[in-house]
């Protein structure tokens, strides 16, 4: 039975939307920065310098929560920019 909606027409020859590969590569690098920084434990496995009584080990990792958020947001915006105007759904905020 047909519910009254026409079937979705897809064009197999259309392919993926054009993407700026340079911006996507920059976004990937931004997402890799916190992974590499936090996996390199010897760089921050120490007690000094302390900040408000917290050893370096703890406040360094907590600082990365904010840095990672900023890098993730930047990578997201770069990805939206790289995919161009035509790939976003109508009404989505820029």
PDB file of N, CA and C in Angstrom:
ATOM      1  N   UNK A   1       0.827  -1.179   0.000  1.00  0.00           N
ATOM      2  CA  UNK A   1       0.000   0.000   0.000  1.00  0.00           C
ATOM      3  C   UNK A   1       0.873   1.244   0.000  1.00  0.00           C
ATOM      4  N   UNK A   2       0.417   2.234  -0.688  1.00  0.00           N
ATOM      5  CA  UNK A   2       1.128   3.496  -0.753  1.00  0.00           C
ATOM      6  C   UNK A   2       0.503   4.461   0.235  1.00  0.00           C
ATOM      7  N   UNK A   3       1.309   5.083   1.063  1.00  0.00           N
ATOM      8  CA  UNK A   3       0.799   5.995   2.083  1.00  0.00           C
ATOM      9  C   UNK A   3       0.584   7.399   1.541  1.00  0.00           C
ATOM     10  N   UNK A   4       0.746   7.599   0.262  1.00  0.00           N
ATOM     11  CA  UNK A   4       0.545   8.911  -0.325  1.00  0.00           C
ATOM     12  C   UNK A   4       1.829   9.676  -0.547  1.00  0.00           C
ATOM     13  N   UNK A   5       2.920   9.228   0.058  1.00  0.00           N
ATOM     14  CA  UNK A   5       4.205   9.892  -0.134  1.00  0.00           C
ATOM     15  C   UNK A   5       4.914   9.267  -1.319  1.00  0.00           C
ATOM     16  N   UNK A   6       5.486  10.086  -2.196  1.00  0.00           N
ATOM     17  CA  UNK A   6       6.227   9.506  -3.316  1.00  0.00           C
ATOM     18  C   UNK A   6       7.509   8.844  -2.816  1.00  0.00           C
ATOM     19  N   UNK A   7       7.964   7.797  -3.473  1.00  0.00           N
ATOM     20  CA  UNK A   7       9.201   7.144  -3.045  1.00  0.00           C
ATOM     21  C   UNK A   7      10.389   8.076  -3.232  1.00  0.00           C
ATOM     22  N   UNK A   8      11.377   7.927  -2.351  1.00  0.00           N
ATOM     23  CA  UNK A   8      12.588   8.733  -2.435  1.00  0.00           C
ATOM     24  C   UNK A   8      13.366   8.345  -3.682  1.00  0.00           C
ATOM     25  N   UNK A   9      13.710   9.324  -4.459  1.00  0.00           N
ATOM     26  CA  UNK A   9      14.509   9.092  -5.660  1.00  0.00           C
ATOM     27  C   UNK A   9      15.972   9.347  -5.339  1.00  0.00           C
ATOM     28  N   UNK A  10      16.816   8.373  -5.562  1.00  0.00           N
ATOM     29  CA  UNK A  10      18.250   8.549  -5.364  1.00  0.00           C
ATOM     30  C   UNK A  10      18.948   8.378  -6.689  1.00  0.00           C
ATOM     31  N   UNK A  11      19.987   9.149  -6.864  1.00  0.00           N
ATOM     32  CA  UNK A  11      20.771   9.051  -8.093  1.00  0.00           C
ATOM     33  C   UNK A  11      22.113   8.432  -7.737  1.00  0.00           C
ATOM     34  N   UNK A  12      22.376   7.218  -8.201  1.00  0.00           N
ATOM     35  CA  UNK A  12      23.645   6.579  -7.866  1.00  0.00           C
ATOM     36  C   UNK A  12      24.849   7.302  -8.450  1.00  0.00           C
ATOM     37  N   UNK A  13      24.671   8.065  -9.520  1.00  0.00           N
ATOM     38  CA  UNK A  13      25.800   8.758 -10.135  1.00  0.00           C
ATOM     39  C   UNK A  13      26.125  10.078  -9.431  1.00  0.00           C
ATOM     40  N   UNK A  14      25.327  10.468  -8.435  1.00  0.00           N
ATOM     41  CA  UNK A  14      25.538  11.730  -7.759  1.00  0.00           C
ATOM     42  C   UNK A  14      26.788  11.714  -6.889  1.00  0.00           C
ATOM     43  N   UNK A  15      27.017  10.666  -6.119  1.00  0.00           N
ATOM     44  CA  UNK A  15      28.210  10.541  -5.288  1.00  0.00           C
ATOM     45  C   UNK A  15      28.175  11.455  -4.082  1.00  0.00           C
ATOM     46  N   UNK A  16      29.253  11.450  -3.303  1.00  0.00           N
ATOM     47  CA  UNK A  16      29.310  12.291  -2.097  1.00  0.00           C
ATOM     48  C   UNK A  16      29.438  13.764  -2.469  1.00  0.00           C
ATOM     49  N   UNK A  17      29.044  14.657  -1.552  1.00  0.00           N
ATOM     50  CA  UNK A  17      29.175  16.086  -1.854  1.00  0.00           C
ATOM     51  C   UNK A  17      30.644  16.478  -1.932  1.00  0.00           C
ATOM     52  N   UNK A  18      30.952  17.523  -2.672  1.00  0.00           N
ATOM     53  CA  UNK A  18      32.348  17.970  -2.744  1.00  0.00           C
ATOM     54  C   UNK A  18      32.833  18.411  -1.364  1.00  0.00           C
ATOM     55  N   UNK A  19      34.053  18.021  -1.050  1.00  0.00           N
ATOM     56  CA  UNK A  19      34.610  18.295   0.275  1.00  0.00           C
ATOM     57  C   UNK A  19      36.010  18.879   0.119  1.00  0.00           C
ATOM     58  N   UNK A  20      36.297  19.912   0.908  1.00  0.00           N
ATOM     59  CA  UNK A  20      37.633  20.501   0.933  1.00  0.00           C
ATOM     60  C   UNK A  20      38.521  19.599   1.797  1.00  0.00           C
ATOM     61  N   UNK A  21      39.370  18.834   1.151  1.00  0.00           N
ATOM     62  CA  UNK A  21      40.190  17.842   1.853  1.00  0.00           C
ATOM     63  C   UNK A  21      41.232  18.489   2.775  1.00  0.00           C
ATOM     64  N   UNK A  22      41.673  19.683   2.456  1.00  0.00           N
ATOM     65  CA  UNK A  22      42.637  20.369   3.316  1.00  0.00           C
ATOM     66  C   UNK A  22      42.009  20.695   4.667  1.00  0.00           C
ATOM     67  N   UNK A  23      40.785  21.217   4.655  1.00  0.00           N
ATOM     68  CA  UNK A  23      40.106  21.537   5.914  1.00  0.00           C
ATOM     69  C   UNK A  23      39.812  20.268   6.708  1.00  0.00           C
ATOM     70  N   UNK A  24      39.469  19.187   6.016  1.00  0.00           N
ATOM     71  CA  UNK A  24      39.205  17.931   6.715  1.00  0.00           C
ATOM     72  C   UNK A  24      40.485  17.389   7.353  1.00  0.00           C
ATOM     73  N   UNK A  25      41.620  17.557   6.676  1.00  0.00           N
ATOM     74  CA  UNK A  25      42.899  17.110   7.230  1.00  0.00           C
ATOM     75  C   UNK A  25      43.272  17.938   8.465  1.00  0.00           C
ATOM     76  N   UNK A  26      43.024  19.242   8.405  1.00  0.00           N
ATOM     77  CA  UNK A  26      43.300  20.097   9.562  1.00  0.00           C
ATOM     78  C   UNK A  26      42.407  19.689  10.731  1.00  0.00           C
ATOM     79  N   UNK A  27      41.135  19.397  10.454  1.00  0.00           N
ATOM     80  CA  UNK A  27      40.214  18.949  11.507  1.00  0.00           C
ATOM     81  C   UNK A  27      40.705  17.642  12.128  1.00  0.00           C
ATOM     82  N   UNK A  28      41.213  16.739  11.319  1.00  0.00           N
ATOM     83  CA  UNK A  28      41.730  15.468  11.841  1.00  0.00           C
ATOM     84  C   UNK A  28      42.945  15.701  12.741  1.00  0.00           C
ATOM     85  N   UNK A  29      43.815  16.598  12.338  1.00  0.00           N
ATOM     86  CA  UNK A  29      44.992  16.912  13.163  1.00  0.00           C
ATOM     87  C   UNK A  29      44.561  17.530  14.490  1.00  0.00           C
ATOM     88  N   UNK A  30      43.567  18.429  14.444  1.00  0.00           N
ATOM     89  CA  UNK A  30      43.079  19.038  15.683  1.00  0.00           C
ATOM     90  C   UNK A  30      42.517  17.990  16.637  1.00  0.00           C
ATOM     91  N   UNK A  31      41.878  16.972  16.108  1.00  0.00           N
ATOM     92  CA  UNK A  31      41.320  15.919  16.956  1.00  0.00           C
ATOM     93  C   UNK A  31      42.406  14.971  17.481  1.00  0.00           C
ATOM     94  N   UNK A  32      43.515  14.888  16.798  1.00  0.00           N
ATOM     95  CA  UNK A  32      44.609  14.013  17.237  1.00  0.00           C
ATOM     96  C   UNK A  32      45.473  14.653  18.328  1.00  0.00           C
ATOM     97  N   UNK A  33      45.492  15.974  18.395  1.00  0.00           N
ATOM     98  CA  UNK A  33      46.357  16.667  19.362  1.00  0.00           C
ATOM     99  C   UNK A  33      46.110  16.202  20.801  1.00  0.00           C
ATOM    100  N   UNK A  34      44.852  16.202  21.297  1.00  0.00           N
ATOM    101  CA  UNK A  34      44.671  15.760  22.688  1.00  0.00           C
ATOM    102  C   UNK A  34      44.976  14.284  22.896  1.00  0.00           C
ATOM    103  N   UNK A  35      44.753  13.478  21.886  1.00  0.00           N
ATOM    104  CA  UNK A  35      45.053  12.051  22.018  1.00  0.00           C
ATOM    105  C   UNK A  35      46.546  11.851  22.228  1.00  0.00           C
ATOM    106  N   UNK A  36      47.342  12.474  21.392  1.00  0.00           N
ATOM    107  CA  UNK A  36      48.797  12.342  21.502  1.00  0.00           C
ATOM    108  C   UNK A  36      49.293  12.960  22.808  1.00  0.00           C
ATOM    109  N   UNK A  37      48.773  14.139  23.154  1.00  0.00           N
ATOM    110  CA  UNK A  37      49.245  14.823  24.363  1.00  0.00           C
ATOM    111  C   UNK A  37      48.951  14.020  25.622  1.00  0.00           C
ATOM    112  N   UNK A  38      47.791  13.377  25.676  1.00  0.00           N
ATOM    113  CA  UNK A  38      47.442  12.640  26.893  1.00  0.00           C
ATOM    114  C   UNK A  38      47.970  11.212  26.904  1.00  0.00           C
ATOM    115  N   UNK A  39      48.305  10.663  25.760  1.00  0.00           N
ATOM    116  CA  UNK A  39      48.930   9.338  25.730  1.00  0.00           C
ATOM    117  C   UNK A  39      50.427   9.405  26.037  1.00  0.00           C
ATOM    118  N   UNK A  40      51.011  10.587  25.914  1.00  0.00           N
ATOM    119  CA  UNK A  40      52.436  10.775  26.211  1.00  0.00           C
ATOM    120  C   UNK A  40      52.569  11.082  27.714  1.00  0.00           C
ATOM    121  N   UNK A  41      52.347  10.075  28.533  1.00  0.00           N
ATOM    122  CA  UNK A  41      52.280  10.211  29.991  1.00  0.00           C
ATOM    123  C   UNK A  41      53.574  10.741  30.611  1.00  0.00           C
ATOM    124  N   UNK A  42      54.766  10.324  30.178  1.00  0.00           N
ATOM    125  CA  UNK A  42      55.977  10.854  30.827  1.00  0.00           C
ATOM    126  C   UNK A  42      56.092  12.378  30.780  1.00  0.00           C
ATOM    127  N   UNK A  43      55.390  13.026  29.854  1.00  0.00           N
ATOM    128  CA  UNK A  43      55.472  14.490  29.783  1.00  0.00           C
ATOM    129  C   UNK A  43      54.757  15.174  30.938  1.00  0.00           C
ATOM    130  N   UNK A  44      53.826  14.483  31.598  1.00  0.00           N
ATOM    131  CA  UNK A  44      53.090  15.121  32.692  1.00  0.00           C
ATOM    132  C   UNK A  44      52.995  14.264  33.951  1.00  0.00           C
ATOM    133  N   UNK A  45      53.731  13.174  34.028  1.00  0.00           N
ATOM    134  CA  UNK A  45      53.696  12.311  35.207  1.00  0.00           C
ATOM    135  C   UNK A  45      54.665  12.832  36.270  1.00  0.00           C
ATOM    136  N   UNK A  46      54.303  13.963  36.846  1.00  0.00           N
ATOM    137  CA  UNK A  46      55.137  14.572  37.890  1.00  0.00           C
ATOM    138  C   UNK A  46      54.243  15.380  38.823  1.00  0.00           C
ATOM    139  N   UNK A  47      54.763  15.726  39.972  1.00  0.00           N
ATOM    140  CA  UNK A  47      53.977  16.442  40.980  1.00  0.00           C
ATOM    141  C   UNK A  47      54.144  17.954  40.883  1.00  0.00           C
ATOM    142  N   UNK A  48      55.295  18.405  40.431  1.00  0.00           N
ATOM    143  CA  UNK A  48      55.557  19.844  40.376  1.00  0.00           C
ATOM    144  C   UNK A  48      55.435  20.349  38.958  1.00  0.00           C
ATOM    145  N   UNK A  49      54.979  21.537  38.724  1.00  0.00           N
ATOM    146  CA  UNK A  49      54.543  22.556  39.672  1.00  0.00           C
ATOM    147  C   UNK A  49      53.108  22.331  40.133  1.00  0.00           C
ATOM    148  N   UNK A  50      52.833  22.729  41.352  1.00  0.00           N
ATOM    149  CA  UNK A  50      51.483  22.619  41.893  1.00  0.00           C
ATOM    150  C   UNK A  50      50.687  23.879  41.552  1.00  0.00           C
ATOM    151  N   UNK A  51      49.379  23.717  41.443  1.00  0.00           N
ATOM    152  CA  UNK A  51      48.486  24.842  41.197  1.00  0.00           C
ATOM    153  C   UNK A  51      47.342  24.748  42.194  1.00  0.00           C
ATOM    154  N   UNK A  52      47.251  25.696  43.116  1.00  0.00           N
ATOM    155  CA  UNK A  52      46.247  25.698  44.182  1.00  0.00           C
ATOM    156  C   UNK A  52      46.279  24.407  44.986  1.00  0.00           C
ATOM    157  N   UNK A  53      47.471  23.857  45.184  1.00  0.00           N
ATOM    158  CA  UNK A  53      47.639  22.640  45.971  1.00  0.00           C
ATOM    159  C   UNK A  53      47.454  21.350  45.190  1.00  0.00           C
ATOM    160  N   UNK A  54      47.085  21.441  43.926  1.00  0.00           N
ATOM    161  CA  UNK A  54      46.910  20.245  43.094  1.00  0.00           C
ATOM    162  C   UNK A  54      48.207  19.939  42.358  1.00  0.00           C
ATOM    163  N   UNK A  55      48.659  18.691  42.377  1.00  0.00           N
ATOM    164  CA  UNK A  55      49.862  18.322  41.633  1.00  0.00           C
ATOM    165  C   UNK A  55      49.657  18.536  40.128  1.00  0.00           C
ATOM    166  N   UNK A  56      50.752  18.758  39.445  1.00  0.00           N
ATOM    167  CA  UNK A  56      50.738  19.004  38.000  1.00  0.00           C
ATOM    168  C   UNK A  56      49.970  17.917  37.259  1.00  0.00           C
ATOM    169  N   UNK A  57      50.151  16.671  37.644  1.00  0.00           N
ATOM    170  CA  UNK A  57      49.500  15.539  36.976  1.00  0.00           C
ATOM    171  C   UNK A  57      47.996  15.751  36.857  1.00  0.00           C
ATOM    172  N   UNK A  58      47.370  16.238  37.923  1.00  0.00           N
ATOM    173  CA  UNK A  58      45.916  16.394  37.932  1.00  0.00           C
ATOM    174  C   UNK A  58      45.445  17.645  37.198  1.00  0.00           C
ATOM    175  N   UNK A  59      46.076  18.792  37.461  1.00  0.00           N
ATOM    176  CA  UNK A  59      45.572  19.999  36.819  1.00  0.00           C
ATOM    177  C   UNK A  59      45.902  20.024  35.330  1.00  0.00           C
ATOM    178  N   UNK A  60      46.964  19.359  34.929  1.00  0.00           N
ATOM    179  CA  UNK A  60      47.286  19.266  33.502  1.00  0.00           C
ATOM    180  C   UNK A  60      46.183  18.511  32.763  1.00  0.00           C
ATOM    181  N   UNK A  61      45.762  17.379  33.314  1.00  0.00           N
ATOM    182  CA  UNK A  61      44.697  16.607  32.675  1.00  0.00           C
ATOM    183  C   UNK A  61      43.380  17.375  32.677  1.00  0.00           C
ATOM    184  N   UNK A  62      43.073  18.075  33.754  1.00  0.00           N
ATOM    185  CA  UNK A  62      41.841  18.855  33.810  1.00  0.00           C
ATOM    186  C   UNK A  62      41.869  19.999  32.809  1.00  0.00           C
ATOM    187  N   UNK A  63      43.012  20.612  32.620  1.00  0.00           N
ATOM    188  CA  UNK A  63      43.155  21.676  31.624  1.00  0.00           C
ATOM    189  C   UNK A  63      42.829  21.157  30.224  1.00  0.00           C
ATOM    190  N   UNK A  64      43.188  19.912  29.969  1.00  0.00           N
ATOM    191  CA  UNK A  64      42.921  19.320  28.659  1.00  0.00           C
ATOM    192  C   UNK A  64      41.426  19.121  28.396  1.00  0.00           C
ATOM    193  N   UNK A  65      40.606  19.091  29.407  1.00  0.00           N
ATOM    194  CA  UNK A  65      39.154  19.020  29.192  1.00  0.00           C
ATOM    195  C   UNK A  65      38.707  20.242  28.396  1.00  0.00           C
ATOM    196  N   UNK A  66      39.181  21.414  28.781  1.00  0.00           N
ATOM    197  CA  UNK A  66      38.807  22.653  28.099  1.00  0.00           C
ATOM    198  C   UNK A  66      39.488  22.782  26.740  1.00  0.00           C
ATOM    199  N   UNK A  67      40.762  22.398  26.681  1.00  0.00           N
ATOM    200  CA  UNK A  67      41.480  22.454  25.406  1.00  0.00           C
ATOM    201  C   UNK A  67      40.828  21.512  24.395  1.00  0.00           C
ATOM    202  N   UNK A  68      40.485  20.313  24.834  1.00  0.00           N
ATOM    203  CA  UNK A  68      39.863  19.326  23.954  1.00  0.00           C
ATOM    204  C   UNK A  68      38.500  19.812  23.460  1.00  0.00           C
ATOM    205  N   UNK A  69      37.751  20.460  24.323  1.00  0.00           N
ATOM    206  CA  UNK A  69      36.454  21.000  23.916  1.00  0.00           C
ATOM    207  C   UNK A  69      36.633  22.048  22.820  1.00  0.00           C
ATOM    208  N   UNK A  70      37.588  22.927  22.989  1.00  0.00           N
ATOM    209  CA  UNK A  70      37.842  23.962  21.989  1.00  0.00           C
ATOM    210  C   UNK A  70      38.320  23.358  20.670  1.00  0.00           C
ATOM    211  N   UNK A  71      39.195  22.372  20.743  1.00  0.00           N
ATOM    212  CA  UNK A  71      39.692  21.735  19.520  1.00  0.00           C
ATOM    213  C   UNK A  71      38.588  20.961  18.806  1.00  0.00           C
ATOM    214  N   UNK A  72      37.729  20.294  19.560  1.00  0.00           N
ATOM    215  CA  UNK A  72      36.625  19.548  18.962  1.00  0.00           C
ATOM    216  C   UNK A  72      35.641  20.489  18.288  1.00  0.00           C
ATOM    217  N   UNK A  73      35.308  21.606  18.932  1.00  0.00           N
ATOM    218  CA  UNK A  73      34.402  22.579  18.337  1.00  0.00           C
ATOM    219  C   UNK A  73      34.997  23.161  17.053  1.00  0.00           C
ATOM    220  N   UNK A  74      36.294  23.477  17.091  1.00  0.00           N
ATOM    221  CA  UNK A  74      36.962  24.011  15.906  1.00  0.00           C
ATOM    222  C   UNK A  74      36.957  22.990  14.774  1.00  0.00           C
ATOM    223  N   UNK A  75      37.225  21.730  15.085  1.00  0.00           N
ATOM    224  CA  UNK A  75      37.204  20.685  14.062  1.00  0.00           C
ATOM    225  C   UNK A  75      35.798  20.523  13.479  1.00  0.00           C
ATOM    226  N   UNK A  76      34.781  20.627  14.320  1.00  0.00           N
ATOM    227  CA  UNK A  76      33.398  20.546  13.852  1.00  0.00           C
ATOM    228  C   UNK A  76      33.083  21.678  12.886  1.00  0.00           C
ATOM    229  N   UNK A  77      33.476  22.901  13.239  1.00  0.00           N
ATOM    230  CA  UNK A  77      33.213  24.044  12.360  1.00  0.00           C
ATOM    231  C   UNK A  77      33.988  23.906  11.043  1.00  0.00           C
ATOM    232  N   UNK A  78      35.212  23.414  11.105  1.00  0.00           N
ATOM    233  CA  UNK A  78      35.984  23.189   9.881  1.00  0.00           C
ATOM    234  C   UNK A  78      35.318  22.141   8.998  1.00  0.00           C
ATOM    235  N   UNK A  79      34.782  21.097   9.614  1.00  0.00           N
ATOM    236  CA  UNK A  79      34.108  20.049   8.851  1.00  0.00           C
ATOM    237  C   UNK A  79      32.870  20.602   8.159  1.00  0.00           C
ATOM    238  N   UNK A  80      32.088  21.406   8.858  1.00  0.00           N
ATOM    239  CA  UNK A  80      30.920  22.027   8.229  1.00  0.00           C
ATOM    240  C   UNK A  80      31.345  22.917   7.072  1.00  0.00           C
ATOM    241  N   UNK A  81      32.396  23.678   7.280  1.00  0.00           N
ATOM    242  CA  UNK A  81      32.898  24.568   6.239  1.00  0.00           C
ATOM    243  C   UNK A  81      33.431  23.777   5.045  1.00  0.00           C
ATOM    244  N   UNK A  82      34.090  22.665   5.316  1.00  0.00           N
ATOM    245  CA  UNK A  82      34.686  21.859   4.241  1.00  0.00           C
ATOM    246  C   UNK A  82      33.625  21.210   3.368  1.00  0.00           C
ATOM    247  N   UNK A  83      32.484  20.894   3.942  1.00  0.00           N
ATOM    248  CA  UNK A  83      31.428  20.227   3.179  1.00  0.00           C
ATOM    249  C   UNK A  83      30.578  21.198   2.381  1.00  0.00           C
ATOM    250  N   UNK A  84      30.701  22.469   2.622  1.00  0.00           N
ATOM    251  CA  UNK A  84      29.993  23.462   1.829  1.00  0.00           C
ATOM    252  C   UNK A  84      28.551  23.647   2.245  1.00  0.00           C
ATOM    253  N   UNK A  85      27.885  24.566   1.565  1.00  0.00           N
ATOM    254  CA  UNK A  85      26.518  24.942   1.915  1.00  0.00           C
ATOM    255  C   UNK A  85      25.500  23.880   1.548  1.00  0.00           C
ATOM    256  N   UNK A  86      25.719  23.140   0.490  1.00  0.00           N
ATOM    257  CA  UNK A  86      24.716  22.217  -0.015  1.00  0.00           C
ATOM    258  C   UNK A  86      24.514  20.964   0.807  1.00  0.00           C
ATOM    259  N   UNK A  87      25.419  20.641   1.735  1.00  0.00           N
ATOM    260  CA  UNK A  87      25.311  19.368   2.440  1.00  0.00           C
ATOM    261  C   UNK A  87      24.587  19.484   3.781  1.00  0.00           C
ATOM    262  N   UNK A  88      24.303  20.717   4.243  1.00  0.00           N
ATOM    263  CA  UNK A  88      23.604  20.881   5.512  1.00  0.00           C
ATOM    264  C   UNK A  88      22.101  20.852   5.309  1.00  0.00           C
ATOM    265  N   UNK A  89      21.378  20.262   6.235  1.00  0.00           N
ATOM    266  CA  UNK A  89      19.924  20.301   6.144  1.00  0.00           C
ATOM    267  C   UNK A  89      19.396  21.719   6.239  1.00  0.00           C
ATOM    268  N   UNK A  90      18.247  21.964   5.630  1.00  0.00           N
ATOM    269  CA  UNK A  90      17.650  23.300   5.648  1.00  0.00           C
ATOM    270  C   UNK A  90      17.350  23.725   7.075  1.00  0.00           C
ATOM    271  N   UNK A  91      17.671  24.952   7.400  1.00  0.00           N
ATOM    272  CA  UNK A  91      17.379  25.491   8.716  1.00  0.00           C
ATOM    273  C   UNK A  91      18.458  25.268   9.746  1.00  0.00           C
ATOM    274  N   UNK A  92      19.522  24.554   9.411  1.00  0.00           N
ATOM    275  CA  UNK A  92      20.583  24.331  10.384  1.00  0.00           C
ATOM    276  C   UNK A  92      21.401  25.588  10.554  1.00  0.00           C
ATOM    277  N   UNK A  93      21.736  25.885  11.813  1.00  0.00           N
ATOM    278  CA  UNK A  93      22.479  27.094  12.137  1.00  0.00           C
ATOM    279  C   UNK A  93      23.896  26.990  11.593  1.00  0.00           C
ATOM    280  N   UNK A  94      24.418  28.107  11.152  1.00  0.00           N
ATOM    281  CA  UNK A  94      25.790  28.135  10.642  1.00  0.00           C
ATOM    282  C   UNK A  94      26.761  28.307  11.730  1.00  0.00           C
TER     283      UNK A  94
END
